[in-house]
């Protein structure tokens, strides 16, 4: 495992955060956020629990969606949580884009990501997302990464996790351990 999820949680934990999770349940995300010393308020759109048959009602900081392919409901749930934070700043995490492509077609996912990232930007928040490019062809990878300003690539070499930033400059940064 290259640590994409761990890196995402670490990036989110220093501030208020909203996580849209497509393959990890809300309680796991919340526990992981706290483990990383997350001191801010965490809200979660959980697209995993109900798709696994767990029926849990929405709460003040959690919205449940039937499955990751219900992009309209994912967007509505996210908007609701973001609107509750009006006037604040924080970070948004989307873990992971890959299941969206299992449940919905590429064009719909691209449109969703365009609206999603635009909404995050206009609110003054930052957005981070995970994606496994090894699960998808080059066209799908390029398409879903297009709405993002940059990407953090991860790898594991000799048991060490490393990351680098690509897309901000013509050349990617150097690999750094994390």
C-alpha atoms as a PDB file:
ATOM      1  CA  UNK A   1       0.000   0.000   0.000  1.00  0.00           C
ATOM      2  CA  UNK A   2       1.394   3.360  -0.998  1.00  0.00           C
ATOM      3  CA  UNK A   3      -0.295   5.270   1.816  1.00  0.00           C
ATOM      4  CA  UNK A   4      -2.629   7.542  -0.156  1.00  0.00           C
ATOM      5  CA  UNK A   5      -5.351   7.333   2.491  1.00  0.00           C
ATOM      6  CA  UNK A   6      -2.902   7.931   5.364  1.00  0.00           C
ATOM      7  CA  UNK A   7      -1.467  10.941   3.557  1.00  0.00           C
ATOM      8  CA  UNK A   8      -4.970  12.304   2.935  1.00  0.00           C
ATOM      9  CA  UNK A   9      -5.978  11.979   6.591  1.00  0.00           C
ATOM     10  CA  UNK A  10      -2.730  13.637   7.643  1.00  0.00           C
ATOM     11  CA  UNK A  11      -3.376  16.582   5.315  1.00  0.00           C
ATOM     12  CA  UNK A  12      -6.896  17.001   6.670  1.00  0.00           C
ATOM     13  CA  UNK A  13      -6.196  16.567  10.378  1.00  0.00           C
ATOM     14  CA  UNK A  14      -4.691  19.992  11.022  1.00  0.00           C
ATOM     15  CA  UNK A  15      -7.959  21.835  10.425  1.00  0.00           C
ATOM     16  CA  UNK A  16     -11.721  21.573  10.094  1.00  0.00           C
ATOM     17  CA  UNK A  17     -12.520  19.002   7.438  1.00  0.00           C
ATOM     18  CA  UNK A  18     -15.246  17.423   5.371  1.00  0.00           C
ATOM     19  CA  UNK A  19     -14.541  13.946   4.023  1.00  0.00           C
ATOM     20  CA  UNK A  20     -16.508  12.307   1.239  1.00  0.00           C
ATOM     21  CA  UNK A  21     -15.717   8.622   1.595  1.00  0.00           C
ATOM     22  CA  UNK A  22     -16.676   6.143  -1.095  1.00  0.00           C
ATOM     23  CA  UNK A  23     -15.086   3.018   0.350  1.00  0.00           C
ATOM     24  CA  UNK A  24     -14.429   3.538   4.073  1.00  0.00           C
ATOM     25  CA  UNK A  25     -17.174   3.919   6.673  1.00  0.00           C
ATOM     26  CA  UNK A  26     -17.656   7.109   8.679  1.00  0.00           C
ATOM     27  CA  UNK A  27     -16.535   5.686  12.027  1.00  0.00           C
ATOM     28  CA  UNK A  28     -13.209   4.515  10.566  1.00  0.00           C
ATOM     29  CA  UNK A  29     -12.607   7.924   8.981  1.00  0.00           C
ATOM     30  CA  UNK A  30     -13.435   9.649  12.276  1.00  0.00           C
ATOM     31  CA  UNK A  31     -11.118   7.342  14.266  1.00  0.00           C
ATOM     32  CA  UNK A  32      -8.284   7.852  11.773  1.00  0.00           C
ATOM     33  CA  UNK A  33      -8.774  11.640  11.831  1.00  0.00           C
ATOM     34  CA  UNK A  34      -8.529  11.676  15.632  1.00  0.00           C
ATOM     35  CA  UNK A  35      -5.486   9.373  15.567  1.00  0.00           C
ATOM     36  CA  UNK A  36      -3.674  11.945  13.422  1.00  0.00           C
ATOM     37  CA  UNK A  37      -4.448  14.528  16.158  1.00  0.00           C
ATOM     38  CA  UNK A  38      -7.298  16.041  14.232  1.00  0.00           C
ATOM     39  CA  UNK A  39      -8.384  18.935  16.389  1.00  0.00           C
ATOM     40  CA  UNK A  40     -10.966  20.525  14.120  1.00  0.00           C
ATOM     41  CA  UNK A  41     -14.547  19.676  13.381  1.00  0.00           C
ATOM     42  CA  UNK A  42     -14.980  16.703  11.058  1.00  0.00           C
ATOM     43  CA  UNK A  43     -18.028  16.120   8.874  1.00  0.00           C
ATOM     44  CA  UNK A  44     -18.430  13.046   6.666  1.00  0.00           C
ATOM     45  CA  UNK A  45     -20.425  12.034   3.610  1.00  0.00           C
ATOM     46  CA  UNK A  46     -20.421   8.227   3.930  1.00  0.00           C
ATOM     47  CA  UNK A  47     -21.103   6.389   0.651  1.00  0.00           C
ATOM     48  CA  UNK A  48     -19.857   3.048   1.967  1.00  0.00           C
ATOM     49  CA  UNK A  49     -21.997   2.000   4.951  1.00  0.00           C
ATOM     50  CA  UNK A  50     -25.381   1.754   3.257  1.00  0.00           C
ATOM     51  CA  UNK A  51     -23.929   0.014   0.203  1.00  0.00           C
ATOM     52  CA  UNK A  52     -22.798  -2.665   2.695  1.00  0.00           C
ATOM     53  CA  UNK A  53     -26.276  -2.961   4.202  1.00  0.00           C
ATOM     54  CA  UNK A  54     -25.724  -0.811   7.301  1.00  0.00           C
ATOM     55  CA  UNK A  55     -28.747   1.434   7.890  1.00  0.00           C
ATOM     56  CA  UNK A  56     -27.776   4.464   9.936  1.00  0.00           C
ATOM     57  CA  UNK A  57     -29.676   7.766  10.067  1.00  0.00           C
ATOM     58  CA  UNK A  58     -28.020  11.050   9.149  1.00  0.00           C
ATOM     59  CA  UNK A  59     -26.720  13.162  12.012  1.00  0.00           C
ATOM     60  CA  UNK A  60     -25.551  16.747  12.411  1.00  0.00           C
ATOM     61  CA  UNK A  61     -22.124  16.039  10.907  1.00  0.00           C
ATOM     62  CA  UNK A  62     -22.748  12.860   8.893  1.00  0.00           C
ATOM     63  CA  UNK A  63     -24.733  12.271   5.718  1.00  0.00           C
ATOM     64  CA  UNK A  64     -25.195   8.752   4.380  1.00  0.00           C
ATOM     65  CA  UNK A  65     -25.569   8.024   0.667  1.00  0.00           C
ATOM     66  CA  UNK A  66     -26.813   4.691  -0.696  1.00  0.00           C
ATOM     67  CA  UNK A  67     -23.792   4.131  -2.944  1.00  0.00           C
ATOM     68  CA  UNK A  68     -20.982   6.094  -4.632  1.00  0.00           C
ATOM     69  CA  UNK A  69     -22.815   6.052  -7.971  1.00  0.00           C
ATOM     70  CA  UNK A  70     -25.584   8.308  -6.685  1.00  0.00           C
ATOM     71  CA  UNK A  71     -23.589  11.395  -7.620  1.00  0.00           C
ATOM     72  CA  UNK A  72     -26.554  13.740  -7.211  1.00  0.00           C
ATOM     73  CA  UNK A  73     -27.074  12.627  -3.618  1.00  0.00           C
ATOM     74  CA  UNK A  74     -23.324  12.728  -2.920  1.00  0.00           C
ATOM     75  CA  UNK A  75     -23.240  16.316  -4.182  1.00  0.00           C
ATOM     76  CA  UNK A  76     -26.347  17.311  -2.222  1.00  0.00           C
ATOM     77  CA  UNK A  77     -25.017  15.780   0.995  1.00  0.00           C
ATOM     78  CA  UNK A  78     -21.661  17.505   0.530  1.00  0.00           C
ATOM     79  CA  UNK A  79     -23.298  20.863  -0.225  1.00  0.00           C
ATOM     80  CA  UNK A  80     -25.419  20.564   2.911  1.00  0.00           C
ATOM     81  CA  UNK A  81     -22.369  19.960   5.113  1.00  0.00           C
ATOM     82  CA  UNK A  82     -20.344  22.703   3.407  1.00  0.00           C
ATOM     83  CA  UNK A  83     -23.206  25.202   3.762  1.00  0.00           C
ATOM     84  CA  UNK A  84     -23.300  24.462   7.497  1.00  0.00           C
ATOM     85  CA  UNK A  85     -19.686  25.693   7.593  1.00  0.00           C
ATOM     86  CA  UNK A  86     -20.389  28.932   5.722  1.00  0.00           C
ATOM     87  CA  UNK A  87     -17.891  31.630   6.624  1.00  0.00           C
ATOM     88  CA  UNK A  88     -15.223  29.171   7.763  1.00  0.00           C
ATOM     89  CA  UNK A  89     -12.284  27.599   5.998  1.00  0.00           C
ATOM     90  CA  UNK A  90     -10.943  24.095   6.056  1.00  0.00           C
ATOM     91  CA  UNK A  91     -10.053  21.146   3.880  1.00  0.00           C
ATOM     92  CA  UNK A  92     -12.123  18.689   1.902  1.00  0.00           C
ATOM     93  CA  UNK A  93     -11.038  15.113   1.300  1.00  0.00           C
ATOM     94  CA  UNK A  94     -12.488  12.766  -1.305  1.00  0.00           C
ATOM     95  CA  UNK A  95     -11.524   9.158  -0.659  1.00  0.00           C
ATOM     96  CA  UNK A  96     -11.559   7.717  -3.308  1.00  0.00           C
ATOM     97  CA  UNK A  97     -12.415   8.699  -6.887  1.00  0.00           C
ATOM     98  CA  UNK A  98     -11.900   5.124  -8.130  1.00  0.00           C
ATOM     99  CA  UNK A  99     -15.180   3.672  -6.734  1.00  0.00           C
ATOM    100  CA  UNK A 100     -17.089   6.504  -8.406  1.00  0.00           C
ATOM    101  CA  UNK A 101     -15.891   5.095 -11.729  1.00  0.00           C
ATOM    102  CA  UNK A 102     -17.113   1.625 -10.782  1.00  0.00           C
ATOM    103  CA  UNK A 103     -20.647   2.896 -10.101  1.00  0.00           C
ATOM    104  CA  UNK A 104     -20.942   5.711 -12.682  1.00  0.00           C
ATOM    105  CA  UNK A 105     -19.672   6.421 -16.179  1.00  0.00           C
ATOM    106  CA  UNK A 106     -16.575   8.532 -16.831  1.00  0.00           C
ATOM    107  CA  UNK A 107     -18.481  11.510 -18.234  1.00  0.00           C
ATOM    108  CA  UNK A 108     -20.777  11.721 -15.188  1.00  0.00           C
ATOM    109  CA  UNK A 109     -17.855  11.420 -12.774  1.00  0.00           C
ATOM    110  CA  UNK A 110     -15.954  14.149 -14.637  1.00  0.00           C
ATOM    111  CA  UNK A 111     -18.956  16.507 -14.470  1.00  0.00           C
ATOM    112  CA  UNK A 112     -19.402  15.717 -10.779  1.00  0.00           C
ATOM    113  CA  UNK A 113     -15.726  16.459 -10.073  1.00  0.00           C
ATOM    114  CA  UNK A 114     -15.903  19.744 -12.026  1.00  0.00           C
ATOM    115  CA  UNK A 115     -18.844  20.936  -9.917  1.00  0.00           C
ATOM    116  CA  UNK A 116     -17.406  19.498  -6.692  1.00  0.00           C
ATOM    117  CA  UNK A 117     -13.968  21.129  -7.038  1.00  0.00           C
ATOM    118  CA  UNK A 118     -15.542  24.400  -8.194  1.00  0.00           C
ATOM    119  CA  UNK A 119     -17.741  24.471  -5.122  1.00  0.00           C
ATOM    120  CA  UNK A 120     -14.776  23.771  -2.849  1.00  0.00           C
ATOM    121  CA  UNK A 121     -12.726  26.553  -4.478  1.00  0.00           C
ATOM    122  CA  UNK A 122     -15.541  29.100  -4.306  1.00  0.00           C
ATOM    123  CA  UNK A 123     -15.977  28.381  -0.590  1.00  0.00           C
ATOM    124  CA  UNK A 124     -12.303  29.141   0.087  1.00  0.00           C
ATOM    125  CA  UNK A 125     -11.548  25.583   1.171  1.00  0.00           C
ATOM    126  CA  UNK A 126      -8.798  23.301  -0.162  1.00  0.00           C
ATOM    127  CA  UNK A 127      -9.539  19.935  -1.744  1.00  0.00           C
ATOM    128  CA  UNK A 128      -7.554  16.702  -1.664  1.00  0.00           C
ATOM    129  CA  UNK A 129      -8.608  13.426  -3.257  1.00  0.00           C
ATOM    130  CA  UNK A 130      -7.254   9.922  -3.597  1.00  0.00           C
ATOM    131  CA  UNK A 131      -7.261   7.941  -6.823  1.00  0.00           C
ATOM    132  CA  UNK A 132      -5.702   4.659  -7.890  1.00  0.00           C
ATOM    133  CA  UNK A 133      -4.487   5.122 -11.479  1.00  0.00           C
ATOM    134  CA  UNK A 134      -3.541   1.442 -11.728  1.00  0.00           C
ATOM    135  CA  UNK A 135      -7.259   0.569 -11.748  1.00  0.00           C
ATOM    136  CA  UNK A 136      -8.066   2.706 -14.800  1.00  0.00           C
ATOM    137  CA  UNK A 137      -6.843   3.379 -18.313  1.00  0.00           C
ATOM    138  CA  UNK A 138      -4.885   6.493 -19.254  1.00  0.00           C
ATOM    139  CA  UNK A 139      -7.930   8.326 -20.644  1.00  0.00           C
ATOM    140  CA  UNK A 140      -9.930   7.835 -17.445  1.00  0.00           C
ATOM    141  CA  UNK A 141      -6.954   8.845 -15.315  1.00  0.00           C
ATOM    142  CA  UNK A 142      -6.314  12.051 -17.273  1.00  0.00           C
ATOM    143  CA  UNK A 143     -10.020  12.898 -17.314  1.00  0.00           C
ATOM    144  CA  UNK A 144     -10.655  12.595 -13.573  1.00  0.00           C
ATOM    145  CA  UNK A 145      -7.441  14.379 -12.623  1.00  0.00           C
ATOM    146  CA  UNK A 146      -8.173  17.350 -14.906  1.00  0.00           C
ATOM    147  CA  UNK A 147     -10.346  19.309 -12.404  1.00  0.00           C
ATOM    148  CA  UNK A 148      -7.528  19.325  -9.841  1.00  0.00           C
ATOM    149  CA  UNK A 149      -4.685  21.877  -9.764  1.00  0.00           C
ATOM    150  CA  UNK A 150      -2.004  19.338  -8.911  1.00  0.00           C
ATOM    151  CA  UNK A 151      -1.552  15.790  -7.746  1.00  0.00           C
ATOM    152  CA  UNK A 152       0.469  14.093  -5.047  1.00  0.00           C
ATOM    153  CA  UNK A 153       1.894  10.836  -6.322  1.00  0.00           C
ATOM    154  CA  UNK A 154       2.847   8.087  -3.910  1.00  0.00           C
ATOM    155  CA  UNK A 155       4.961   4.985  -4.134  1.00  0.00           C
ATOM    156  CA  UNK A 156       6.575   2.405  -1.933  1.00  0.00           C
ATOM    157  CA  UNK A 157      10.249   1.636  -2.445  1.00  0.00           C
ATOM    158  CA  UNK A 158      12.087  -0.885  -0.269  1.00  0.00           C
ATOM    159  CA  UNK A 159       9.353  -0.657   2.364  1.00  0.00           C
ATOM    160  CA  UNK A 160       9.461   3.161   2.476  1.00  0.00           C
ATOM    161  CA  UNK A 161       6.524   5.328   1.499  1.00  0.00           C
ATOM    162  CA  UNK A 162       7.369   8.320  -0.639  1.00  0.00           C
ATOM    163  CA  UNK A 163       5.390  11.183  -2.155  1.00  0.00           C
ATOM    164  CA  UNK A 164       5.964  13.963  -4.644  1.00  0.00           C
ATOM    165  CA  UNK A 165       3.926  16.840  -6.062  1.00  0.00           C
ATOM    166  CA  UNK A 166       3.244  16.951  -9.792  1.00  0.00           C
ATOM    167  CA  UNK A 167       1.361  19.457 -11.897  1.00  0.00           C
ATOM    168  CA  UNK A 168       2.254  22.734 -10.206  1.00  0.00           C
ATOM    169  CA  UNK A 169       5.551  23.157 -12.051  1.00  0.00           C
ATOM    170  CA  UNK A 170       6.717  21.703 -15.369  1.00  0.00           C
ATOM    171  CA  UNK A 171       8.704  19.083 -13.442  1.00  0.00           C
ATOM    172  CA  UNK A 172       7.492  17.001 -10.517  1.00  0.00           C
ATOM    173  CA  UNK A 173       9.131  17.592  -7.148  1.00  0.00           C
ATOM    174  CA  UNK A 174      11.647  15.175  -5.697  1.00  0.00           C
ATOM    175  CA  UNK A 175      10.353  12.068  -3.922  1.00  0.00           C
ATOM    176  CA  UNK A 176      10.136  12.587  -0.133  1.00  0.00           C
ATOM    177  CA  UNK A 177       9.566  10.009   2.595  1.00  0.00           C
ATOM    178  CA  UNK A 178       6.392  10.303   4.636  1.00  0.00           C
END
